Amino acid sequence: MTRSGISRGFAVTLWLAASAGILAQTGATYDPGAEVTVTGTIKHVVSFTAPDGSVGVHLDFTTPDGMLNVHVAPALYIGMQNFWFFADDQLEIVGVKSVVDGNKAFIVRTLKKDGKALNVRSADGKPAWTPASEGTDGCGVAHPALPRGTEL
């Protein structure tokens, strides 16, 4: 076996180990006792596609205290509730601050926009949609960890 073959084998082994670590992650937990309300403006609406084709919606959200990485819900659930998001929308969000994969996150229970509310979790924190699993980070979709810089 040549050195390049050994190097490739080592690289593949590292890649497989990292992939297994991502797949083994558990979903974010929701503690209703830690709920807070934040207000601010959407800077970006970001979606992540899971291997099963479902899409999780996240918001880069500007508050007076800084940027939050907001984990909302599956896009299909949000659309079925006749709700949508755009950059520069003003929101009031009830949820919990959490750490997911070493990054700061905000897991949503309820959002209010223009007098209309979107409930994505019950009062005890259970998702309003029917997930196969809650996902790696609380957005409802099992996708690999994708830090974008707003979480830290």
C-alpha atoms as a PDB file:
ATOM      1  CA  MET A   1       0.000   0.000   0.000  1.00  0.00           C
ATOM      2  CA  THR A   2       1.378   3.421  -0.899  1.00  0.00           C
ATOM      3  CA  ARG A   3       1.561   6.453   1.338  1.00  0.00           C
ATOM      4  CA  SER A   4      -1.294   8.143  -0.548  1.00  0.00           C
ATOM      5  CA  GLY A   5      -3.431   5.019  -0.020  1.00  0.00           C
ATOM      6  CA  ILE A   6      -2.705   5.096   3.702  1.00  0.00           C
ATOM      7  CA  SER A   7      -3.472   8.832   3.829  1.00  0.00           C
ATOM      8  CA  ARG A   8      -6.782   8.310   2.019  1.00  0.00           C
ATOM      9  CA  GLY A   9      -7.694   5.463   4.364  1.00  0.00           C
ATOM     10  CA  PHE A  10      -6.916   7.644   7.366  1.00  0.00           C
ATOM     11  CA  ALA A  11      -8.975  10.540   5.941  1.00  0.00           C
ATOM     12  CA  VAL A  12     -11.940   8.233   5.282  1.00  0.00           C
ATOM     13  CA  THR A  13     -11.693   6.849   8.823  1.00  0.00           C
ATOM     14  CA  LEU A  14     -11.748  10.367  10.290  1.00  0.00           C
ATOM     15  CA  TRP A  15     -14.699  11.321   8.086  1.00  0.00           C
ATOM     16  CA  LEU A  16     -16.661   8.224   9.162  1.00  0.00           C
ATOM     17  CA  ALA A  17     -15.920   8.901  12.831  1.00  0.00           C
ATOM     18  CA  ALA A  18     -17.109  12.499  12.507  1.00  0.00           C
ATOM     19  CA  SER A  19     -20.267  11.386  10.673  1.00  0.00           C
ATOM     20  CA  ALA A  20     -21.046   8.845  13.376  1.00  0.00           C
ATOM     21  CA  GLY A  21     -20.661  11.559  16.001  1.00  0.00           C
ATOM     22  CA  ILE A  22     -23.116  13.796  14.184  1.00  0.00           C
ATOM     23  CA  LEU A  23     -25.644  10.994  13.798  1.00  0.00           C
ATOM     24  CA  ALA A  24     -25.358  10.050  17.464  1.00  0.00           C
ATOM     25  CA  GLN A  25     -26.322  13.516  18.697  1.00  0.00           C
ATOM     26  CA  THR A  26     -29.542  13.828  20.624  1.00  0.00           C
ATOM     27  CA  GLY A  27     -32.222  16.454  20.163  1.00  0.00           C
ATOM     28  CA  ALA A  28     -32.235  19.725  22.061  1.00  0.00           C
ATOM     29  CA  THR A  29     -34.210  19.636  25.286  1.00  0.00           C
ATOM     30  CA  TYR A  30     -36.896  22.189  26.103  1.00  0.00           C
ATOM     31  CA  ASP A  31     -37.206  23.363  29.719  1.00  0.00           C
ATOM     32  CA  PRO A  32     -40.474  25.341  30.149  1.00  0.00           C
ATOM     33  CA  GLY A  33     -39.183  26.703  33.463  1.00  0.00           C
ATOM     34  CA  ALA A  34     -36.399  28.542  31.611  1.00  0.00           C
ATOM     35  CA  GLU A  35     -38.655  30.346  29.115  1.00  0.00           C
ATOM     36  CA  VAL A  36     -37.903  33.935  28.223  1.00  0.00           C
ATOM     37  CA  THR A  37     -39.439  36.413  25.790  1.00  0.00           C
ATOM     38  CA  VAL A  38     -37.251  38.245  23.290  1.00  0.00           C
ATOM     39  CA  THR A  39     -38.099  40.888  20.720  1.00  0.00           C
ATOM     40  CA  GLY A  40     -36.171  41.941  17.678  1.00  0.00           C
ATOM     41  CA  THR A  41     -35.753  41.810  13.930  1.00  0.00           C
ATOM     42  CA  ILE A  42     -35.071  38.942  11.549  1.00  0.00           C
ATOM     43  CA  LYS A  43     -31.744  39.407   9.807  1.00  0.00           C
ATOM     44  CA  HIS A  44     -31.790  36.151   7.784  1.00  0.00           C
ATOM     45  CA  VAL A  45     -34.197  33.256   7.310  1.00  0.00           C
ATOM     46  CA  VAL A  46     -32.174  30.067   6.894  1.00  0.00           C
ATOM     47  CA  SER A  47     -33.353  26.571   5.997  1.00  0.00           C
ATOM     48  CA  PHE A  48     -31.536  23.253   6.312  1.00  0.00           C
ATOM     49  CA  THR A  49     -32.570  20.138   4.421  1.00  0.00           C
ATOM     50  CA  ALA A  50     -32.387  16.766   6.139  1.00  0.00           C
ATOM     51  CA  PRO A  51     -31.535  13.505   4.396  1.00  0.00           C
ATOM     52  CA  ASP A  52     -35.239  12.588   4.460  1.00  0.00           C
ATOM     53  CA  GLY A  53     -36.075  15.743   2.478  1.00  0.00           C
ATOM     54  CA  SER A  54     -37.734  17.700   5.290  1.00  0.00           C
ATOM     55  CA  VAL A  55     -36.620  21.300   5.802  1.00  0.00           C
ATOM     56  CA  GLY A  56     -35.974  22.986   9.159  1.00  0.00           C
ATOM     57  CA  VAL A  57     -36.335  26.761   9.507  1.00  0.00           C
ATOM     58  CA  HIS A  58     -33.884  28.873  11.519  1.00  0.00           C
ATOM     59  CA  LEU A  59     -33.676  32.630  11.980  1.00  0.00           C
ATOM     60  CA  ASP A  60     -30.671  34.861  12.506  1.00  0.00           C
ATOM     61  CA  PHE A  61     -32.435  37.228  14.890  1.00  0.00           C
ATOM     62  CA  THR A  62     -31.150  40.622  16.046  1.00  0.00           C
ATOM     63  CA  THR A  63     -32.136  41.644  19.600  1.00  0.00           C
ATOM     64  CA  PRO A  64     -31.030  44.567  21.759  1.00  0.00           C
ATOM     65  CA  ASP A  65     -28.695  42.079  23.515  1.00  0.00           C
ATOM     66  CA  GLY A  66     -27.133  40.750  20.301  1.00  0.00           C
ATOM     67  CA  MET A  67     -27.688  38.079  17.665  1.00  0.00           C
ATOM     68  CA  LEU A  68     -29.619  34.860  18.359  1.00  0.00           C
ATOM     69  CA  ASN A  69     -29.694  31.652  16.336  1.00  0.00           C
ATOM     70  CA  VAL A  70     -33.407  30.815  16.535  1.00  0.00           C
ATOM     71  CA  HIS A  71     -34.525  27.230  15.861  1.00  0.00           C
ATOM     72  CA  VAL A  72     -38.165  27.399  14.737  1.00  0.00           C
ATOM     73  CA  ALA A  73     -39.833  24.295  13.225  1.00  0.00           C
ATOM     74  CA  PRO A  74     -40.153  22.309  10.013  1.00  0.00           C
ATOM     75  CA  ALA A  75     -41.020  24.514   7.025  1.00  0.00           C
ATOM     76  CA  LEU A  76     -43.966  22.269   6.150  1.00  0.00           C
ATOM     77  CA  TYR A  77     -45.537  22.813   9.586  1.00  0.00           C
ATOM     78  CA  ILE A  78     -44.996  26.582   9.393  1.00  0.00           C
ATOM     79  CA  GLY A  79     -46.594  26.715   5.932  1.00  0.00           C
ATOM     80  CA  MET A  80     -49.551  24.588   7.050  1.00  0.00           C
ATOM     81  CA  GLN A  81     -50.205  27.228   9.725  1.00  0.00           C
ATOM     82  CA  ASN A  82     -50.285  29.903   6.964  1.00  0.00           C
ATOM     83  CA  PHE A  83     -47.253  31.619   8.485  1.00  0.00           C
ATOM     84  CA  TRP A  84     -44.084  32.929   6.837  1.00  0.00           C
ATOM     85  CA  PHE A  85     -40.957  34.920   7.603  1.00  0.00           C
ATOM     86  CA  PHE A  86     -38.974  37.602   5.788  1.00  0.00           C
ATOM     87  CA  ALA A  87     -35.827  39.546   6.640  1.00  0.00           C
ATOM     88  CA  ASP A  88     -36.658  42.717   8.600  1.00  0.00           C
ATOM     89  CA  ASP A  89     -39.841  41.219  10.149  1.00  0.00           C
ATOM     90  CA  GLN A  90     -40.323  42.343  13.753  1.00  0.00           C
ATOM     91  CA  LEU A  91     -41.077  39.428  16.107  1.00  0.00           C
ATOM     92  CA  GLU A  92     -41.766  38.638  19.726  1.00  0.00           C
ATOM     93  CA  ILE A  93     -40.533  35.126  20.518  1.00  0.00           C
ATOM     94  CA  VAL A  94     -41.121  32.973  23.593  1.00  0.00           C
ATOM     95  CA  GLY A  95     -38.662  30.128  24.037  1.00  0.00           C
ATOM     96  CA  VAL A  96     -35.613  28.853  25.855  1.00  0.00           C
ATOM     97  CA  LYS A  97     -31.931  29.532  25.458  1.00  0.00           C
ATOM     98  CA  SER A  98     -29.996  26.341  24.902  1.00  0.00           C
ATOM     99  CA  VAL A  99     -26.593  25.092  23.825  1.00  0.00           C
ATOM    100  CA  VAL A 100     -26.617  22.717  20.861  1.00  0.00           C
ATOM    101  CA  ASP A 101     -23.356  21.193  19.645  1.00  0.00           C
ATOM    102  CA  GLY A 102     -21.441  23.773  21.669  1.00  0.00           C
ATOM    103  CA  ASN A 103     -23.294  26.677  20.043  1.00  0.00           C
ATOM    104  CA  LYS A 104     -25.815  29.035  21.600  1.00  0.00           C
ATOM    105  CA  ALA A 105     -29.351  28.460  20.313  1.00  0.00           C
ATOM    106  CA  PHE A 106     -32.855  29.713  21.037  1.00  0.00           C
ATOM    107  CA  ILE A 107     -35.584  27.058  20.816  1.00  0.00           C
ATOM    108  CA  VAL A 108     -39.010  28.558  20.006  1.00  0.00           C
ATOM    109  CA  ARG A 109     -42.360  27.813  21.628  1.00  0.00           C
ATOM    110  CA  THR A 110     -44.383  30.755  20.257  1.00  0.00           C
ATOM    111  CA  LEU A 111     -43.725  33.584  17.776  1.00  0.00           C
ATOM    112  CA  LYS A 112     -45.824  36.724  17.274  1.00  0.00           C
ATOM    113  CA  LYS A 113     -45.730  38.830  14.132  1.00  0.00           C
ATOM    114  CA  ASP A 114     -48.129  41.627  13.200  1.00  0.00           C
ATOM    115  CA  GLY A 115     -50.601  40.522  15.874  1.00  0.00           C
ATOM    116  CA  LYS A 116     -50.655  36.919  14.620  1.00  0.00           C
ATOM    117  CA  ALA A 117     -49.223  34.052  16.716  1.00  0.00           C
ATOM    118  CA  LEU A 118     -47.545  30.833  15.611  1.00  0.00           C
ATOM    119  CA  ASN A 119     -47.400  28.124  18.282  1.00  0.00           C
ATOM    120  CA  VAL A 120     -44.756  25.521  17.490  1.00  0.00           C
ATOM    121  CA  ARG A 121     -44.686  23.829  20.899  1.00  0.00           C
ATOM    122  CA  SER A 122     -47.125  23.146  23.708  1.00  0.00           C
ATOM    123  CA  ALA A 123     -46.693  24.774  27.124  1.00  0.00           C
ATOM    124  CA  ASP A 124     -44.640  21.761  28.258  1.00  0.00           C
ATOM    125  CA  GLY A 125     -42.320  22.070  25.242  1.00  0.00           C
ATOM    126  CA  LYS A 126     -43.580  19.218  23.063  1.00  0.00           C
ATOM    127  CA  PRO A 127     -43.516  19.979  19.302  1.00  0.00           C
ATOM    128  CA  ALA A 128     -46.882  20.862  17.724  1.00  0.00           C
ATOM    129  CA  TRP A 129     -45.943  18.858  14.617  1.00  0.00           C
ATOM    130  CA  THR A 130     -45.528  15.086  14.567  1.00  0.00           C
ATOM    131  CA  PRO A 131     -41.797  14.519  14.210  1.00  0.00           C
ATOM    132  CA  ALA A 132     -40.100  11.216  13.559  1.00  0.00           C
ATOM    133  CA  SER A 133     -37.545  12.685  15.964  1.00  0.00           C
ATOM    134  CA  GLU A 134     -37.100  16.239  17.096  1.00  0.00           C
ATOM    135  CA  GLY A 135     -33.909  16.701  15.127  1.00  0.00           C
ATOM    136  CA  THR A 136     -30.370  17.417  16.163  1.00  0.00           C
ATOM    137  CA  ASP A 137     -31.008  20.949  17.324  1.00  0.00           C
ATOM    138  CA  GLY A 138     -34.683  21.468  18.107  1.00  0.00           C
ATOM    139  CA  CYS A 139     -35.810  22.745  14.702  1.00  0.00           C
ATOM    140  CA  GLY A 140     -37.619  19.501  13.957  1.00  0.00           C
ATOM    141  CA  VAL A 141     -35.322  18.245  11.224  1.00  0.00           C
ATOM    142  CA  ALA A 142     -32.424  15.834  11.722  1.00  0.00           C
ATOM    143  CA  HIS A 143     -29.589  17.577   9.855  1.00  0.00           C
ATOM    144  CA  PRO A 144     -25.862  17.673  10.565  1.00  0.00           C
ATOM    145  CA  ALA A 145     -24.609  20.455  12.809  1.00  0.00           C
ATOM    146  CA  LEU A 146     -24.066  23.508  10.596  1.00  0.00           C
ATOM    147  CA  PRO A 147     -22.497  26.388  12.533  1.00  0.00           C
ATOM    148  CA  ARG A 148     -22.859  29.679  10.667  1.00  0.00           C
ATOM    149  CA  GLY A 149     -21.167  32.046  13.099  1.00  0.00           C
ATOM    150  CA  THR A 150     -24.299  33.418  14.784  1.00  0.00           C
ATOM    151  CA  GLU A 151     -24.387  30.678  17.394  1.00  0.00           C
ATOM    152  CA  LEU A 152     -21.176  31.374  19.282  1.00  0.00           C
END
